[in-house]
Amino acid sequence: MSRTTVSFDSAGIPIAAHLYTPDTPGPGRRPALVVGHPGTGVKEQTSGTYAQRMAEQDFVTLAFDAAYQGESGGVPRGLEDPAQRVEDFKAAVSYLTTREEVDADRIGLLGICASGSYSLAATGGDQRVKAVATVSTAEPARQFRLGADGTQDPAVFRSLLDAAAAARSASARGGDAGAMAVFPETAEQARALGGQHAVEGFEYYCTARGHHERSAKTLAWESIDKMAASDAFLAVPLIGPRPMLQIIGERAVTAWIAVEAHQRATGPKEIHWIKGASHVDLYDKQEYIDPAVDKLTDFFTTALATG
C-alpha cells in the first residue's frame, strides 16, 4: 500500500487529500472509496486509518480534509458548513473518476461520525456513487440541536444561536467574531458538561491518543446557525436501490441518529453493531476497527463488484 498527497477543487476551494493505492497488482482498474473524517478531524486521524486499512483490502481510497479545515483551503477557518461538506464528497468522487487506477463505475463512500451523515446526503444526490457505508454515524445539526444522546434542553441550542448572532454582528462592525470552543480544558470539565461521550471526544482529540496539530479545537460561530437550517438525512430515501451499511458501537450514545437514518432508507440497508464499542472506540481501537474493516470489506466487495 502506498500513500500519495493529492489535491482537488470543491466549489472553488482547494481540498488536500491522501490517495492510498494497493501494492498488489490488479487485473485492471480498481474499485475506490472516498473516506471522510469526523467533525473537527483531519485526514491523518481516523479517516486515514480506515483509508489505509481498506487499501490493504485492494480498494483505492481517498481520505481528505474538509473545506475550511486541516490543510484544505477556505475561510473562515474551522467552519462546519453541512452543504459544503456534502459538496466535498461529490468533488472527491469527481477527482477519483480522473484517476487511471480507478474504475469510475465502482466508487463508494465511507463516512465516519459527522461524515457519516454527509456521505449519506452526498450519495442520495450523486448517482455516480454505487454504495455507501458509515462508521459511528453522527449528524452535526442533530447533535447541536438535540445533544449527542438526543435529550438536550432546547434552550442550549438557542443560547448558541444567540452567540452566533452576536458574532455575526460583531464581524459586521469590524470587530472580532471570536470562535466557539469545541472541547473543555480538562477531562473532568468534559465529564461535567457532557458525560462519557464528551470525555471520549476529549481523550481522542486533546490527548496523545489521537491529537493532531491541525485538528480543529474551535468552530467558526457561523457553523452554528448553518446547523439550524440543515438536515443531512433529507436525501437518504434517494439512496435506494443502492445499498447502505451503518456500523455502530453497541454502547454509542449517538446510535439513535443511525437508527433514524436507517428508518428513512428505502433500499437495501443494514445496521451492523460492534459488540462492546462506544462511538469513539471505533476511531482507533484495534479490537473494534478489525471487525468493522471485515464488515466493510465484505460490503464493498459485493456492492462494487463488476458486472
C-alpha atoms as a PDB file:
ATOM      1  CA  MET A   1       0.000   0.000   0.000  1.00  0.00           C
ATOM      2  CA  SER A   2       1.333   3.423  -0.931  1.00  0.00           C
ATOM      3  CA  ARG A   3       0.169   6.927   0.011  1.00  0.00           C
ATOM      4  CA  THR A   4       0.318   9.954  -2.281  1.00  0.00           C
ATOM      5  CA  THR A   5      -0.513  13.551  -1.402  1.00  0.00           C
ATOM      6  CA  VAL A   6      -3.037  14.951  -3.897  1.00  0.00           C
ATOM      7  CA  SER A   7      -5.476  17.842  -4.174  1.00  0.00           C
ATOM      8  CA  PHE A   8      -8.704  18.672  -5.977  1.00  0.00           C
ATOM      9  CA  ASP A   9     -11.218  21.505  -6.223  1.00  0.00           C
ATOM     10  CA  SER A  10     -14.523  21.666  -4.328  1.00  0.00           C
ATOM     11  CA  ALA A  11     -16.712  24.648  -5.322  1.00  0.00           C
ATOM     12  CA  GLY A  12     -13.597  26.747  -5.806  1.00  0.00           C
ATOM     13  CA  ILE A  13     -11.881  25.618  -2.598  1.00  0.00           C
ATOM     14  CA  PRO A  14      -8.659  23.560  -2.811  1.00  0.00           C
ATOM     15  CA  ILE A  15      -9.019  20.273  -0.939  1.00  0.00           C
ATOM     16  CA  ALA A  16      -5.981  18.449   0.473  1.00  0.00           C
ATOM     17  CA  ALA A  17      -6.101  14.662   0.392  1.00  0.00           C
ATOM     18  CA  HIS A  18      -4.148  11.435   0.655  1.00  0.00           C
ATOM     19  CA  LEU A  19      -4.637   8.784  -2.045  1.00  0.00           C
ATOM     20  CA  TYR A  20      -3.948   5.222  -0.922  1.00  0.00           C
ATOM     21  CA  THR A  21      -3.294   2.543  -3.550  1.00  0.00           C
ATOM     22  CA  PRO A  22      -2.774  -1.196  -3.046  1.00  0.00           C
ATOM     23  CA  ASP A  23       0.690  -2.590  -3.687  1.00  0.00           C
ATOM     24  CA  THR A  24      -0.589  -5.859  -5.111  1.00  0.00           C
ATOM     25  CA  PRO A  25      -1.016  -5.896  -8.899  1.00  0.00           C
ATOM     26  CA  GLY A  26      -4.616  -5.880 -10.037  1.00  0.00           C
ATOM     27  CA  PRO A  27      -6.353  -7.174 -13.158  1.00  0.00           C
ATOM     28  CA  GLY A  28      -7.323  -3.635 -14.191  1.00  0.00           C
ATOM     29  CA  ARG A  29      -8.975  -0.557 -12.769  1.00  0.00           C
ATOM     30  CA  ARG A  30      -9.950  -0.982  -9.138  1.00  0.00           C
ATOM     31  CA  PRO A  31     -12.996  -0.081  -7.060  1.00  0.00           C
ATOM     32  CA  ALA A  32     -12.458   3.054  -4.987  1.00  0.00           C
ATOM     33  CA  LEU A  33     -13.706   4.629  -1.765  1.00  0.00           C
ATOM     34  CA  VAL A  34     -13.886   8.237  -0.603  1.00  0.00           C
ATOM     35  CA  VAL A  35     -13.311   8.352   3.162  1.00  0.00           C
ATOM     36  CA  GLY A  36     -14.497  11.349   5.210  1.00  0.00           C
ATOM     37  CA  HIS A  37     -13.367  12.400   8.681  1.00  0.00           C
ATOM     38  CA  PRO A  38     -15.391  13.281  11.803  1.00  0.00           C
ATOM     39  CA  GLY A  39     -16.273  16.876  12.613  1.00  0.00           C
ATOM     40  CA  THR A  40     -13.101  18.827  13.581  1.00  0.00           C
ATOM     41  CA  GLY A  41     -10.980  15.877  12.453  1.00  0.00           C
ATOM     42  CA  VAL A  42      -8.302  15.651   9.765  1.00  0.00           C
ATOM     43  CA  LYS A  43      -7.216  13.035   7.247  1.00  0.00           C
ATOM     44  CA  GLU A  44      -4.265  11.985   9.408  1.00  0.00           C
ATOM     45  CA  GLN A  45      -6.609  10.670  12.113  1.00  0.00           C
ATOM     46  CA  THR A  46      -9.324   8.014  11.926  1.00  0.00           C
ATOM     47  CA  SER A  47     -10.309   8.590   8.288  1.00  0.00           C
ATOM     48  CA  GLY A  48      -6.698   7.954   7.311  1.00  0.00           C
ATOM     49  CA  THR A  49      -6.691   4.794   9.406  1.00  0.00           C
ATOM     50  CA  TYR A  50      -9.745   3.424   7.617  1.00  0.00           C
ATOM     51  CA  ALA A  51      -8.459   4.550   4.218  1.00  0.00           C
ATOM     52  CA  GLN A  52      -5.213   2.688   4.797  1.00  0.00           C
ATOM     53  CA  ARG A  53      -6.949  -0.433   6.074  1.00  0.00           C
ATOM     54  CA  MET A  54      -9.336  -0.532   3.105  1.00  0.00           C
ATOM     55  CA  ALA A  55      -6.445  -0.004   0.680  1.00  0.00           C
ATOM     56  CA  GLU A  56      -4.920  -3.121   2.204  1.00  0.00           C
ATOM     57  CA  GLN A  57      -8.108  -4.871   1.081  1.00  0.00           C
ATOM     58  CA  ASP A  58      -7.432  -3.886  -2.566  1.00  0.00           C
ATOM     59  CA  PHE A  59      -9.505  -0.706  -2.781  1.00  0.00           C
ATOM     60  CA  VAL A  60      -8.118   2.622  -3.955  1.00  0.00           C
ATOM     61  CA  THR A  61      -9.029   5.042  -1.174  1.00  0.00           C
ATOM     62  CA  LEU A  62      -9.066   8.816  -0.817  1.00  0.00           C
ATOM     63  CA  ALA A  63      -9.022  10.489   2.614  1.00  0.00           C
ATOM     64  CA  PHE A  64      -9.452  14.272   2.516  1.00  0.00           C
ATOM     65  CA  ASP A  65      -9.605  17.322   4.774  1.00  0.00           C
ATOM     66  CA  ALA A  66     -12.961  19.095   4.594  1.00  0.00           C
ATOM     67  CA  ALA A  67     -13.049  22.632   3.238  1.00  0.00           C
ATOM     68  CA  TYR A  68     -12.131  25.245   5.874  1.00  0.00           C
ATOM     69  CA  GLN A  69     -10.304  22.585   7.907  1.00  0.00           C
ATOM     70  CA  GLY A  70      -6.944  20.829   8.084  1.00  0.00           C
ATOM     71  CA  GLU A  71      -4.705  21.518   5.092  1.00  0.00           C
ATOM     72  CA  SER A  72      -7.617  22.400   2.811  1.00  0.00           C
ATOM     73  CA  GLY A  73      -8.435  25.964   1.844  1.00  0.00           C
ATOM     74  CA  GLY A  74     -11.373  28.174   2.760  1.00  0.00           C
ATOM     75  CA  VAL A  75     -12.105  30.929   5.264  1.00  0.00           C
ATOM     76  CA  PRO A  76     -13.182  31.363   7.968  1.00  0.00           C
ATOM     77  CA  ARG A  77     -11.080  28.580   9.386  1.00  0.00           C
ATOM     78  CA  GLY A  78     -12.933  25.988  11.414  1.00  0.00           C
ATOM     79  CA  LEU A  79     -16.214  26.496   9.574  1.00  0.00           C
ATOM     80  CA  GLU A  80     -18.520  23.469   9.679  1.00  0.00           C
ATOM     81  CA  ASP A  81     -20.746  24.011   6.644  1.00  0.00           C
ATOM     82  CA  PRO A  82     -23.001  20.983   6.014  1.00  0.00           C
ATOM     83  CA  ALA A  83     -23.719  21.913   2.382  1.00  0.00           C
ATOM     84  CA  GLN A  84     -20.018  22.337   1.639  1.00  0.00           C
ATOM     85  CA  ARG A  85     -19.163  19.084   3.403  1.00  0.00           C
ATOM     86  CA  VAL A  86     -21.583  17.262   1.079  1.00  0.00           C
ATOM     87  CA  GLU A  87     -20.068  19.064  -1.902  1.00  0.00           C
ATOM     88  CA  ASP A  88     -16.609  17.932  -0.792  1.00  0.00           C
ATOM     89  CA  PHE A  89     -17.679  14.288  -1.092  1.00  0.00           C
ATOM     90  CA  LYS A  90     -19.064  14.865  -4.598  1.00  0.00           C
ATOM     91  CA  ALA A  91     -15.894  16.689  -5.619  1.00  0.00           C
ATOM     92  CA  ALA A  92     -13.839  13.771  -4.303  1.00  0.00           C
ATOM     93  CA  VAL A  93     -15.861  11.402  -6.464  1.00  0.00           C
ATOM     94  CA  SER A  94     -15.199  13.646  -9.458  1.00  0.00           C
ATOM     95  CA  TYR A  95     -11.482  13.517  -8.696  1.00  0.00           C
ATOM     96  CA  LEU A  96     -11.472   9.722  -8.474  1.00  0.00           C
ATOM     97  CA  THR A  97     -13.100   9.454 -11.901  1.00  0.00           C
ATOM     98  CA  THR A  98      -9.967  11.105 -13.347  1.00  0.00           C
ATOM     99  CA  ARG A  99      -7.561   8.562 -11.847  1.00  0.00           C
ATOM    100  CA  GLU A 100      -6.351   5.817 -14.157  1.00  0.00           C
ATOM    101  CA  GLU A 101      -6.229   3.340 -11.249  1.00  0.00           C
ATOM    102  CA  VAL A 102      -9.946   3.735 -10.571  1.00  0.00           C
ATOM    103  CA  ASP A 103     -12.970   2.120 -12.169  1.00  0.00           C
ATOM    104  CA  ALA A 104     -15.300   5.127 -12.311  1.00  0.00           C
ATOM    105  CA  ASP A 105     -18.314   2.789 -12.271  1.00  0.00           C
ATOM    106  CA  ARG A 106     -17.269   1.296  -8.924  1.00  0.00           C
ATOM    107  CA  ILE A 107     -16.968   4.167  -6.441  1.00  0.00           C
ATOM    108  CA  GLY A 108     -18.342   4.080  -2.898  1.00  0.00           C
ATOM    109  CA  LEU A 109     -18.404   6.462   0.054  1.00  0.00           C
ATOM    110  CA  LEU A 110     -17.304   5.766   3.622  1.00  0.00           C
ATOM    111  CA  GLY A 111     -18.153   8.405   6.210  1.00  0.00           C
ATOM    112  CA  ILE A 112     -17.082   8.426   9.857  1.00  0.00           C
ATOM    113  CA  CYS A 113     -19.036  10.303  12.548  1.00  0.00           C
ATOM    114  CA  ALA A 114     -20.146  13.640  11.029  1.00  0.00           C
ATOM    115  CA  SER A 115     -19.011  12.472   7.606  1.00  0.00           C
ATOM    116  CA  GLY A 116     -21.362   9.554   8.049  1.00  0.00           C
ATOM    117  CA  SER A 117     -24.363  11.833   7.623  1.00  0.00           C
ATOM    118  CA  TYR A 118     -22.661  13.895   4.927  1.00  0.00           C
ATOM    119  CA  SER A 119     -21.783  10.757   2.947  1.00  0.00           C
ATOM    120  CA  LEU A 120     -25.424   9.672   3.082  1.00  0.00           C
ATOM    121  CA  ALA A 121     -26.555  13.065   1.791  1.00  0.00           C
ATOM    122  CA  ALA A 122     -23.941  13.016  -0.964  1.00  0.00           C
ATOM    123  CA  THR A 123     -24.936   9.513  -2.059  1.00  0.00           C
ATOM    124  CA  GLY A 124     -28.591  10.496  -2.224  1.00  0.00           C
ATOM    125  CA  GLY A 125     -27.739  13.298  -4.640  1.00  0.00           C
ATOM    126  CA  ASP A 126     -24.973  11.682  -6.694  1.00  0.00           C
ATOM    127  CA  GLN A 127     -25.845   8.675  -8.826  1.00  0.00           C
ATOM    128  CA  ARG A 128     -22.165   8.001  -9.551  1.00  0.00           C
ATOM    129  CA  VAL A 129     -21.886   6.586  -6.019  1.00  0.00           C
ATOM    130  CA  LYS A 130     -22.758   2.899  -6.094  1.00  0.00           C
ATOM    131  CA  ALA A 131     -22.758   2.158  -2.343  1.00  0.00           C
ATOM    132  CA  VAL A 132     -22.337   3.959   0.971  1.00  0.00           C
ATOM    133  CA  ALA A 133     -21.189   2.860   4.415  1.00  0.00           C
ATOM    134  CA  THR A 134     -20.742   4.759   7.648  1.00  0.00           C
ATOM    135  CA  VAL A 135     -18.950   4.205  10.943  1.00  0.00           C
ATOM    136  CA  SER A 136     -20.326   5.824  14.122  1.00  0.00           C
ATOM    137  CA  THR A 137     -22.890   7.847  12.182  1.00  0.00           C
ATOM    138  CA  ALA A 138     -23.483  11.318  13.583  1.00  0.00           C
ATOM    139  CA  GLU A 139     -25.314  14.308  12.145  1.00  0.00           C
ATOM    140  CA  PRO A 140     -23.881  17.571  13.468  1.00  0.00           C
ATOM    141  CA  ALA A 141     -27.117  19.536  13.098  1.00  0.00           C
ATOM    142  CA  ARG A 142     -28.981  16.996  15.210  1.00  0.00           C
ATOM    143  CA  GLN A 143     -26.198  16.862  17.764  1.00  0.00           C
ATOM    144  CA  PHE A 144     -26.079  20.633  18.147  1.00  0.00           C
ATOM    145  CA  ARG A 145     -29.863  20.934  18.340  1.00  0.00           C
ATOM    146  CA  LEU A 146     -30.652  17.839  20.399  1.00  0.00           C
ATOM    147  CA  GLY A 147     -27.404  16.732  22.030  1.00  0.00           C
ATOM    148  CA  ALA A 148     -25.355  13.588  21.474  1.00  0.00           C
ATOM    149  CA  ASP A 149     -27.988  11.432  23.175  1.00  0.00           C
ATOM    150  CA  GLY A 150     -30.991  13.303  21.758  1.00  0.00           C
ATOM    151  CA  THR A 151     -32.237  14.633  25.112  1.00  0.00           C
ATOM    152  CA  GLN A 152     -30.680  18.112  25.247  1.00  0.00           C
ATOM    153  CA  ASP A 153     -32.764  21.024  26.538  1.00  0.00           C
ATOM    154  CA  PRO A 154     -33.747  23.192  23.507  1.00  0.00           C
ATOM    155  CA  ALA A 155     -32.539  26.236  25.452  1.00  0.00           C
ATOM    156  CA  VAL A 156     -28.943  25.087  24.938  1.00  0.00           C
ATOM    157  CA  PHE A 157     -29.102  25.445  21.174  1.00  0.00           C
ATOM    158  CA  ARG A 158     -30.990  28.731  21.428  1.00  0.00           C
ATOM    159  CA  SER A 159     -28.144  30.104  23.538  1.00  0.00           C
ATOM    160  CA  LEU A 160     -25.665  29.007  20.875  1.00  0.00           C
ATOM    161  CA  LEU A 161     -27.757  30.748  18.223  1.00  0.00           C
ATOM    162  CA  ASP A 162     -27.687  33.917  20.343  1.00  0.00           C
ATOM    163  CA  ALA A 163     -23.899  33.741  20.474  1.00  0.00           C
ATOM    164  CA  ALA A 164     -23.671  33.082  16.727  1.00  0.00           C
ATOM    165  CA  ALA A 165     -25.898  36.096  16.003  1.00  0.00           C
ATOM    166  CA  ALA A 166     -23.762  38.307  18.237  1.00  0.00           C
ATOM    167  CA  ALA A 167     -20.636  37.094  16.456  1.00  0.00           C
ATOM    168  CA  ARG A 168     -22.083  37.977  13.045  1.00  0.00           C
ATOM    169  CA  SER A 169     -22.972  41.471  14.279  1.00  0.00           C
ATOM    170  CA  ALA A 170     -19.527  41.954  15.783  1.00  0.00           C
ATOM    171  CA  SER A 171     -17.926  40.958  12.497  1.00  0.00           C
ATOM    172  CA  ALA A 172     -20.170  43.350  10.541  1.00  0.00           C
ATOM    173  CA  ARG A 173     -18.973  46.208  12.772  1.00  0.00           C
ATOM    174  CA  GLY A 174     -15.350  45.306  12.123  1.00  0.00           C
ATOM    175  CA  GLY A 175     -14.838  43.544  15.451  1.00  0.00           C
ATOM    176  CA  ASP A 176     -13.515  40.119  16.344  1.00  0.00           C
ATOM    177  CA  ALA A 177     -16.237  37.475  15.961  1.00  0.00           C
ATOM    178  CA  GLY A 178     -14.255  35.011  18.043  1.00  0.00           C
ATOM    179  CA  ALA A 179     -14.834  31.262  17.824  1.00  0.00           C
ATOM    180  CA  MET A 180     -16.689  28.553  19.713  1.00  0.00           C
ATOM    181  CA  ALA A 181     -14.544  26.196  21.766  1.00  0.00           C
ATOM    182  CA  VAL A 182     -15.315  22.581  20.895  1.00  0.00           C
ATOM    183  CA  PHE A 183     -13.560  20.982  23.864  1.00  0.00           C
ATOM    184  CA  PRO A 184     -13.147  21.958  27.522  1.00  0.00           C
ATOM    185  CA  GLU A 185      -9.726  22.250  29.094  1.00  0.00           C
ATOM    186  CA  THR A 186      -9.806  19.019  31.101  1.00  0.00           C
ATOM    187  CA  ALA A 187     -11.448  15.597  31.067  1.00  0.00           C
ATOM    188  CA  GLU A 188     -13.156  16.465  34.355  1.00  0.00           C
ATOM    189  CA  GLN A 189     -14.783  19.511  32.755  1.00  0.00           C
ATOM    190  CA  ALA A 190     -15.819  17.351  29.799  1.00  0.00           C
ATOM    191  CA  ARG A 191     -17.489  14.882  32.145  1.00  0.00           C
ATOM    192  CA  ALA A 192     -19.365  17.650  33.921  1.00  0.00           C
ATOM    193  CA  LEU A 193     -20.504  19.212  30.655  1.00  0.00           C
ATOM    194  CA  GLY A 194     -21.476  16.221  28.579  1.00  0.00           C
ATOM    195  CA  GLY A 195     -20.875  12.864  30.235  1.00  0.00           C
ATOM    196  CA  GLN A 196     -18.949   9.931  28.815  1.00  0.00           C
ATOM    197  CA  HIS A 197     -19.348  10.871  25.136  1.00  0.00           C
ATOM    198  CA  ALA A 198     -17.764  14.273  25.776  1.00  0.00           C
ATOM    199  CA  VAL A 199     -14.979  12.650  27.786  1.00  0.00           C
ATOM    200  CA  GLU A 200     -14.199  10.215  24.972  1.00  0.00           C
ATOM    201  CA  GLY A 201     -14.080  13.056  22.458  1.00  0.00           C
ATOM    202  CA  PHE A 202     -11.708  14.990  24.705  1.00  0.00           C
ATOM    203  CA  GLU A 203      -9.479  11.944  25.191  1.00  0.00           C
ATOM    204  CA  TYR A 204      -9.228  11.313  21.448  1.00  0.00           C
ATOM    205  CA  TYR A 205      -8.749  14.852  20.162  1.00  0.00           C
ATOM    206  CA  CYS A 206      -6.972  16.534  23.077  1.00  0.00           C
ATOM    207  CA  THR A 207      -4.513  13.910  24.338  1.00  0.00           C
ATOM    208  CA  ALA A 208      -1.700  11.882  22.816  1.00  0.00           C
ATOM    209  CA  ARG A 209      -4.264   9.210  21.935  1.00  0.00           C
ATOM    210  CA  GLY A 210      -5.434  10.961  18.760  1.00  0.00           C
ATOM    211  CA  HIS A 211      -4.280  14.584  18.891  1.00  0.00           C
ATOM    212  CA  HIS A 212      -3.172  16.227  15.663  1.00  0.00           C
ATOM    213  CA  GLU A 213      -1.984  19.825  15.389  1.00  0.00           C
ATOM    214  CA  ARG A 214      -4.364  20.584  12.509  1.00  0.00           C
ATOM    215  CA  SER A 215      -7.431  19.043  14.110  1.00  0.00           C
ATOM    216  CA  ALA A 216      -9.798  21.914  14.953  1.00  0.00           C
ATOM    217  CA  LYS A 217     -10.358  22.775  18.603  1.00  0.00           C
ATOM    218  CA  THR A 218     -12.738  25.638  17.794  1.00  0.00           C
ATOM    219  CA  LEU A 219     -15.502  26.233  15.274  1.00  0.00           C
ATOM    220  CA  ALA A 220     -16.371  29.447  13.499  1.00  0.00           C
ATOM    221  CA  TRP A 221     -19.591  30.784  15.005  1.00  0.00           C
ATOM    222  CA  GLU A 222     -21.198  30.782  11.563  1.00  0.00           C
ATOM    223  CA  SER A 223     -21.235  26.991  11.862  1.00  0.00           C
ATOM    224  CA  ILE A 224     -23.990  27.166  14.455  1.00  0.00           C
ATOM    225  CA  ASP A 225     -26.706  28.973  12.533  1.00  0.00           C
ATOM    226  CA  LYS A 226     -25.937  26.822   9.479  1.00  0.00           C
ATOM    227  CA  MET A 227     -26.931  23.849  11.647  1.00  0.00           C
ATOM    228  CA  ALA A 228     -30.332  25.407  12.320  1.00  0.00           C
ATOM    229  CA  ALA A 229     -31.293  25.034   8.651  1.00  0.00           C
ATOM    230  CA  SER A 230     -29.584  21.717   7.891  1.00  0.00           C
ATOM    231  CA  ASP A 231     -30.874  18.137   7.707  1.00  0.00           C
ATOM    232  CA  ALA A 232     -28.426  15.750   6.067  1.00  0.00           C
ATOM    233  CA  PHE A 233     -30.996  12.950   6.103  1.00  0.00           C
ATOM    234  CA  LEU A 234     -33.440  14.536   3.665  1.00  0.00           C
ATOM    235  CA  ALA A 235     -31.711  12.783   0.758  1.00  0.00           C
ATOM    236  CA  VAL A 236     -31.485   9.350   2.422  1.00  0.00           C
ATOM    237  CA  PRO A 237     -34.628   7.996   0.695  1.00  0.00           C
ATOM    238  CA  LEU A 238     -32.920   8.722  -2.644  1.00  0.00           C
ATOM    239  CA  ILE A 239     -30.071   6.283  -1.899  1.00  0.00           C
ATOM    240  CA  GLY A 240     -32.171   3.226  -2.777  1.00  0.00           C
ATOM    241  CA  PRO A 241     -31.894   0.920  -4.625  1.00  0.00           C
ATOM    242  CA  ARG A 242     -28.181   1.305  -3.897  1.00  0.00           C
ATOM    243  CA  PRO A 243     -27.046  -0.442  -0.676  1.00  0.00           C
ATOM    244  CA  MET A 244     -26.378   1.337   2.601  1.00  0.00           C
ATOM    245  CA  LEU A 245     -24.485  -0.010   5.635  1.00  0.00           C
ATOM    246  CA  GLN A 246     -24.014   1.629   9.024  1.00  0.00           C
ATOM    247  CA  ILE A 247     -21.535   0.268  11.576  1.00  0.00           C
ATOM    248  CA  ILE A 248     -22.315   1.350  15.122  1.00  0.00           C
ATOM    249  CA  GLY A 249     -20.835   0.564  18.514  1.00  0.00           C
ATOM    250  CA  GLU A 250     -23.434  -1.024  20.749  1.00  0.00           C
ATOM    251  CA  ARG A 251     -22.517   1.437  23.547  1.00  0.00           C
ATOM    252  CA  ALA A 252     -22.640   4.547  21.329  1.00  0.00           C
ATOM    253  CA  VAL A 253     -24.942   7.209  22.803  1.00  0.00           C
ATOM    254  CA  THR A 254     -25.296   8.559  19.259  1.00  0.00           C
ATOM    255  CA  ALA A 255     -26.818   5.307  17.955  1.00  0.00           C
ATOM    256  CA  TRP A 256     -30.297   6.884  17.731  1.00  0.00           C
ATOM    257  CA  ILE A 257     -29.004   9.031  14.852  1.00  0.00           C
ATOM    258  CA  ALA A 258     -28.027   5.987  12.803  1.00  0.00           C
ATOM    259  CA  VAL A 259     -31.358   4.352  13.596  1.00  0.00           C
ATOM    260  CA  GLU A 260     -33.216   7.387  12.246  1.00  0.00           C
ATOM    261  CA  ALA A 261     -31.173   7.309   9.032  1.00  0.00           C
ATOM    262  CA  HIS A 262     -31.830   3.585   8.723  1.00  0.00           C
ATOM    263  CA  GLN A 263     -35.575   4.118   9.067  1.00  0.00           C
ATOM    264  CA  ARG A 264     -35.538   6.667   6.239  1.00  0.00           C
ATOM    265  CA  ALA A 265     -33.668   4.419   3.808  1.00  0.00           C
ATOM    266  CA  THR A 266     -35.676   2.824   1.006  1.00  0.00           C
ATOM    267  CA  GLY A 267     -33.207   0.356  -0.498  1.00  0.00           C
ATOM    268  CA  PRO A 268     -31.030  -2.473   0.858  1.00  0.00           C
ATOM    269  CA  LYS A 269     -29.916  -1.365   4.309  1.00  0.00           C
ATOM    270  CA  GLU A 270     -28.201  -2.755   7.372  1.00  0.00           C
ATOM    271  CA  ILE A 271     -27.032  -1.639  10.794  1.00  0.00           C
ATOM    272  CA  HIS A 272     -24.110  -3.726  11.979  1.00  0.00           C
ATOM    273  CA  TRP A 273     -23.450  -3.487  15.718  1.00  0.00           C
ATOM    274  CA  ILE A 274     -19.916  -3.827  17.108  1.00  0.00           C
ATOM    275  CA  LYS A 275     -20.117  -5.528  20.483  1.00  0.00           C
ATOM    276  CA  GLY A 276     -18.710  -3.547  23.413  1.00  0.00           C
ATOM    277  CA  ALA A 277     -17.748  -0.478  21.369  1.00  0.00           C
ATOM    278  CA  SER A 278     -18.674   3.137  22.044  1.00  0.00           C
ATOM    279  CA  HIS A 279     -18.884   5.861  19.381  1.00  0.00           C
ATOM    280  CA  VAL A 280     -15.234   6.934  19.698  1.00  0.00           C
ATOM    281  CA  ASP A 281     -13.887   3.400  20.248  1.00  0.00           C
ATOM    282  CA  LEU A 282     -14.383   2.839  16.518  1.00  0.00           C
ATOM    283  CA  TYR A 283     -11.972   5.690  15.726  1.00  0.00           C
ATOM    284  CA  ASP A 284      -8.761   3.999  16.794  1.00  0.00           C
ATOM    285  CA  LYS A 285      -9.113   0.885  18.952  1.00  0.00           C
ATOM    286  CA  GLN A 286      -7.825  -2.140  17.088  1.00  0.00           C
ATOM    287  CA  GLU A 287     -10.201  -4.631  18.683  1.00  0.00           C
ATOM    288  CA  TYR A 288     -13.160  -2.696  17.259  1.00  0.00           C
ATOM    289  CA  ILE A 289     -11.661  -1.469  13.991  1.00  0.00           C
ATOM    290  CA  ASP A 290     -10.748  -5.024  12.925  1.00  0.00           C
ATOM    291  CA  PRO A 291     -14.348  -6.351  12.820  1.00  0.00           C
ATOM    292  CA  ALA A 292     -15.520  -3.066  11.314  1.00  0.00           C
ATOM    293  CA  VAL A 293     -12.996  -3.394   8.466  1.00  0.00           C
ATOM    294  CA  ASP A 294     -14.008  -7.017   7.922  1.00  0.00           C
ATOM    295  CA  LYS A 295     -17.635  -5.965   7.546  1.00  0.00           C
ATOM    296  CA  LEU A 296     -16.766  -3.014   5.299  1.00  0.00           C
ATOM    297  CA  THR A 297     -14.637  -5.267   3.095  1.00  0.00           C
ATOM    298  CA  ASP A 298     -17.450  -7.774   2.630  1.00  0.00           C
ATOM    299  CA  PHE A 299     -19.968  -4.993   1.977  1.00  0.00           C
ATOM    300  CA  PHE A 300     -17.962  -3.050  -0.594  1.00  0.00           C
ATOM    301  CA  THR A 301     -16.555  -6.154  -2.292  1.00  0.00           C
ATOM    302  CA  THR A 302     -20.114  -7.230  -3.053  1.00  0.00           C
ATOM    303  CA  ALA A 303     -21.581  -3.775  -3.698  1.00  0.00           C
ATOM    304  CA  LEU A 304     -18.769  -2.689  -6.033  1.00  0.00           C
ATOM    305  CA  ALA A 305     -18.315  -5.985  -7.846  1.00  0.00           C
ATOM    306  CA  THR A 306     -18.029  -5.933 -11.615  1.00  0.00           C
ATOM    307  CA  GLY A 307     -20.959  -6.931 -13.794  1.00  0.00           C
END
